[in-house]
């Protein structure tokens, strides 16, 4: 049943129009449980659907990435208030622990800007894959307006430094923003945050 549910969720995600939702594909990594992967996929679908239904402005330029309860919002909107609305919608989804709002108020981008971002993402991923000291399957890479965002769970602080360093070396990158967390410390923080959301003390 779990496998069927996952397939249905991924099918729904692929069918979403407008807002772009992304997540690490494939089986859950050692640092990222299968249940957490399901929660992230469900949250991404819910956020994308709610943004498509939003009637107060155009949110189609917003990109959504969900990793381990962290929602990264990037992309572009035409008005400042839409940036705040996108964040409000993200917080309304189930199992969301944190929202990182990196949306820019600049309007939609052209083909060449998007192509450059895709090229940068590919180059960053290639560099990280070639580094045997980094478990690359745990890292999600998003690029918007030549700013690289790194999300996911890693084993050590050293992996964060190496992944960030690889991203900075790619030509054309303006800035690297890391939302990478060490798995053991992240789990402690996630448990505390979820406890607050549930309105109950930690046991």
Protein backbone atom coordinates (compact mmCIF):
# COMPACT_ATOMS: atom_id res chain seq x y z
CA UNK A 1 0.00 0.00 0.00
CA UNK A 2 2.85 2.37 0.81
CA UNK A 3 4.41 1.87 -2.63
CA UNK A 4 1.05 2.45 -4.33
CA UNK A 5 0.50 5.61 -2.29
CA UNK A 6 3.94 6.91 -3.27
CA UNK A 7 3.28 6.26 -6.95
CA UNK A 8 -0.03 8.11 -6.78
CA UNK A 9 1.56 11.09 -5.04
CA UNK A 10 4.33 11.30 -7.64
CA UNK A 11 1.76 11.08 -10.44
CA UNK A 12 -0.18 13.97 -8.93
CA UNK A 13 3.01 15.99 -8.59
CA UNK A 14 3.87 15.49 -12.26
CA UNK A 15 0.40 16.71 -13.20
CA UNK A 16 0.64 20.01 -11.35
CA UNK A 17 0.61 23.05 -13.62
CA UNK A 18 1.99 26.50 -12.85
CA UNK A 19 4.09 26.28 -9.70
CA UNK A 20 7.05 23.92 -10.01
CA UNK A 21 7.40 21.33 -7.24
CA UNK A 22 10.60 19.36 -6.81
CA UNK A 23 12.05 16.81 -4.43
CA UNK A 24 14.80 14.19 -4.36
CA UNK A 25 13.66 11.23 -6.45
CA UNK A 26 14.26 7.57 -5.81
CA UNK A 27 14.37 5.62 -2.57
CA UNK A 28 14.78 7.41 0.73
CA UNK A 29 18.39 7.86 1.79
CA UNK A 30 19.88 6.57 5.02
CA UNK A 31 19.54 10.03 6.57
CA UNK A 32 16.03 10.59 5.19
CA UNK A 33 13.32 8.10 6.16
CA UNK A 34 10.75 6.77 3.72
CA UNK A 35 7.95 8.20 5.85
CA UNK A 36 9.56 11.64 5.75
CA UNK A 37 9.83 11.37 1.96
CA UNK A 38 6.09 10.68 1.76
CA UNK A 39 5.36 13.67 4.03
CA UNK A 40 7.55 15.94 1.88
CA UNK A 41 5.86 14.80 -1.33
CA UNK A 42 2.41 15.32 0.18
CA UNK A 43 3.34 18.80 1.43
CA UNK A 44 4.74 19.80 -1.97
CA UNK A 45 1.58 18.66 -3.74
CA UNK A 46 -0.65 20.49 -1.25
CA UNK A 47 1.32 23.74 -1.54
CA UNK A 48 1.38 23.60 -5.34
CA UNK A 49 -2.35 22.92 -5.54
CA UNK A 50 -3.20 25.76 -3.13
CA UNK A 51 -1.03 28.21 -5.06
CA UNK A 52 -2.75 27.25 -8.31
CA UNK A 53 -6.13 27.89 -6.70
CA UNK A 54 -5.07 31.22 -5.22
CA UNK A 55 -7.17 33.97 -6.79
CA UNK A 56 -5.37 37.06 -5.53
CA UNK A 57 -2.53 37.18 -8.06
CA UNK A 58 -0.11 35.21 -10.22
CA UNK A 59 2.00 32.68 -8.29
CA UNK A 60 2.98 30.60 -11.33
CA UNK A 61 6.59 31.83 -11.15
CA UNK A 62 7.14 30.28 -7.71
CA UNK A 63 9.29 27.16 -7.38
CA UNK A 64 8.67 24.80 -4.47
CA UNK A 65 11.19 22.34 -3.03
CA UNK A 66 10.45 20.30 0.09
CA UNK A 67 13.14 18.39 1.96
CA UNK A 68 12.78 16.95 5.47
CA UNK A 69 9.99 19.34 6.43
CA UNK A 70 11.81 22.40 5.08
CA UNK A 71 9.97 24.21 2.29
CA UNK A 72 12.14 26.32 0.00
CA UNK A 73 10.25 28.91 -2.02
CA UNK A 74 12.21 30.48 -4.87
CA UNK A 75 11.41 32.10 -8.18
CA UNK A 76 9.65 35.34 -8.99
CA UNK A 77 6.39 37.16 -8.34
CA UNK A 78 5.24 40.54 -9.73
CA UNK A 79 4.16 42.10 -6.40
CA UNK A 80 5.58 42.13 -2.83
CA UNK A 81 2.31 40.99 -1.26
CA UNK A 82 2.35 37.84 -3.39
CA UNK A 83 5.69 36.90 -1.82
CA UNK A 84 4.00 36.95 1.59
CA UNK A 85 0.96 35.06 0.31
CA UNK A 86 3.18 32.29 -1.06
CA UNK A 87 4.82 31.88 2.35
CA UNK A 88 1.45 31.83 4.10
CA UNK A 89 0.27 29.07 1.77
CA UNK A 90 3.45 27.07 2.39
CA UNK A 91 2.92 27.18 6.15
CA UNK A 92 -0.65 25.92 5.70
CA UNK A 93 0.52 22.53 4.36
CA UNK A 94 0.76 19.50 6.68
CA UNK A 95 4.07 18.41 8.23
CA UNK A 96 5.87 21.66 7.38
CA UNK A 97 8.53 22.48 9.97
CA UNK A 98 10.24 25.48 8.37
CA UNK A 99 9.72 27.78 5.37
CA UNK A 100 12.63 29.51 3.62
CA UNK A 101 11.24 32.31 1.45
CA UNK A 102 13.76 33.21 -1.28
CA UNK A 103 11.18 34.55 -3.76
CA UNK A 104 12.21 37.69 -5.66
CA UNK A 105 9.80 40.43 -6.72
CA UNK A 106 10.88 40.81 -10.34
CA UNK A 107 8.21 39.21 -12.51
CA UNK A 108 8.66 36.21 -14.78
CA UNK A 109 11.99 35.26 -16.31
CA UNK A 110 12.90 34.54 -19.91
CA UNK A 111 14.09 31.35 -21.58
CA UNK A 112 17.81 32.17 -21.45
CA UNK A 113 17.75 32.94 -17.72
CA UNK A 114 16.10 29.60 -17.00
CA UNK A 115 18.56 27.78 -19.27
CA UNK A 116 21.51 29.31 -17.41
CA UNK A 117 20.05 28.18 -14.09
CA UNK A 118 19.60 24.63 -15.39
CA UNK A 119 23.20 24.59 -16.63
CA UNK A 120 24.48 25.76 -13.23
CA UNK A 121 22.43 23.08 -11.43
CA UNK A 122 23.90 20.40 -13.69
CA UNK A 123 27.46 21.62 -13.10
CA UNK A 124 27.00 21.74 -9.32
CA UNK A 125 25.49 18.24 -9.29
CA UNK A 126 28.34 16.88 -11.42
CA UNK A 127 30.97 18.29 -9.06
CA UNK A 128 29.24 16.91 -5.97
CA UNK A 129 28.70 13.49 -7.56
CA UNK A 130 32.42 13.28 -8.32
CA UNK A 131 33.30 13.84 -4.64
CA UNK A 132 33.34 10.49 -2.84
CA UNK A 133 33.40 12.30 0.51
CA UNK A 134 29.86 13.63 -0.01
CA UNK A 135 26.73 11.46 -0.03
CA UNK A 136 25.19 13.29 -2.97
CA UNK A 137 21.88 11.38 -2.95
CA UNK A 138 20.97 13.35 0.19
CA UNK A 139 21.38 16.76 -1.45
CA UNK A 140 18.79 18.61 -3.51
CA UNK A 141 20.10 21.44 -5.71
CA UNK A 142 17.94 24.35 -6.83
CA UNK A 143 19.16 27.33 -8.86
CA UNK A 144 17.22 30.54 -9.38
CA UNK A 145 18.62 33.75 -10.88
CA UNK A 146 22.11 32.18 -10.60
CA UNK A 147 21.71 31.71 -6.84
CA UNK A 148 22.29 28.08 -5.83
CA UNK A 149 20.25 26.60 -2.97
CA UNK A 150 21.38 23.36 -1.31
CA UNK A 151 18.84 21.37 0.73
CA UNK A 152 18.84 18.04 2.54
CA UNK A 153 20.51 16.04 5.28
CA UNK A 154 24.19 15.08 5.40
CA UNK A 155 26.37 13.10 7.79
CA UNK A 156 28.88 15.75 8.89
CA UNK A 157 29.70 19.46 8.86
CA UNK A 158 32.51 18.56 6.48
CA UNK A 159 30.00 17.43 3.85
CA UNK A 160 28.22 20.78 4.12
CA UNK A 161 31.50 22.65 3.59
CA UNK A 162 32.52 20.48 0.63
CA UNK A 163 29.13 20.68 -1.11
CA UNK A 164 28.98 24.45 -0.62
CA UNK A 165 32.54 24.79 -1.90
CA UNK A 166 31.76 22.83 -5.06
CA UNK A 167 28.77 25.06 -5.79
CA UNK A 168 30.83 28.23 -5.38
CA UNK A 169 33.37 27.02 -7.95
CA UNK A 170 30.84 26.79 -10.80
CA UNK A 171 31.20 29.73 -13.24
CA UNK A 172 28.28 32.14 -13.21
CA UNK A 173 27.11 31.43 -9.66
CA UNK A 174 26.29 34.67 -7.83
CA UNK A 175 25.70 33.19 -4.39
CA UNK A 176 25.29 29.85 -2.60
CA UNK A 177 22.64 29.48 0.10
CA UNK A 178 22.91 26.30 2.17
CA UNK A 179 19.95 24.77 3.98
CA UNK A 180 21.87 21.55 4.55
CA UNK A 181 21.69 20.06 8.05
CA UNK A 182 23.61 17.34 9.86
CA UNK A 183 21.14 14.46 10.23
CA UNK A 184 21.51 13.82 13.97
CA UNK A 185 21.11 17.48 14.97
CA UNK A 186 18.29 18.01 12.50
CA UNK A 187 16.23 15.17 13.96
CA UNK A 188 16.42 16.69 17.44
CA UNK A 189 15.26 20.06 16.14
CA UNK A 190 12.54 18.50 13.99
CA UNK A 191 11.14 16.57 16.94
CA UNK A 192 10.99 19.75 19.02
CA UNK A 193 9.36 21.73 16.20
CA UNK A 194 6.78 19.03 15.51
CA UNK A 195 5.98 18.86 19.21
CA UNK A 196 5.21 22.59 19.21
CA UNK A 197 3.02 22.20 16.13
CA UNK A 198 1.15 19.34 17.78
CA UNK A 199 0.70 21.36 20.98
CA UNK A 200 2.15 18.66 23.20
CA UNK A 201 5.35 18.39 25.28
CA UNK A 202 8.21 16.12 24.27
CA UNK A 203 8.20 12.78 26.07
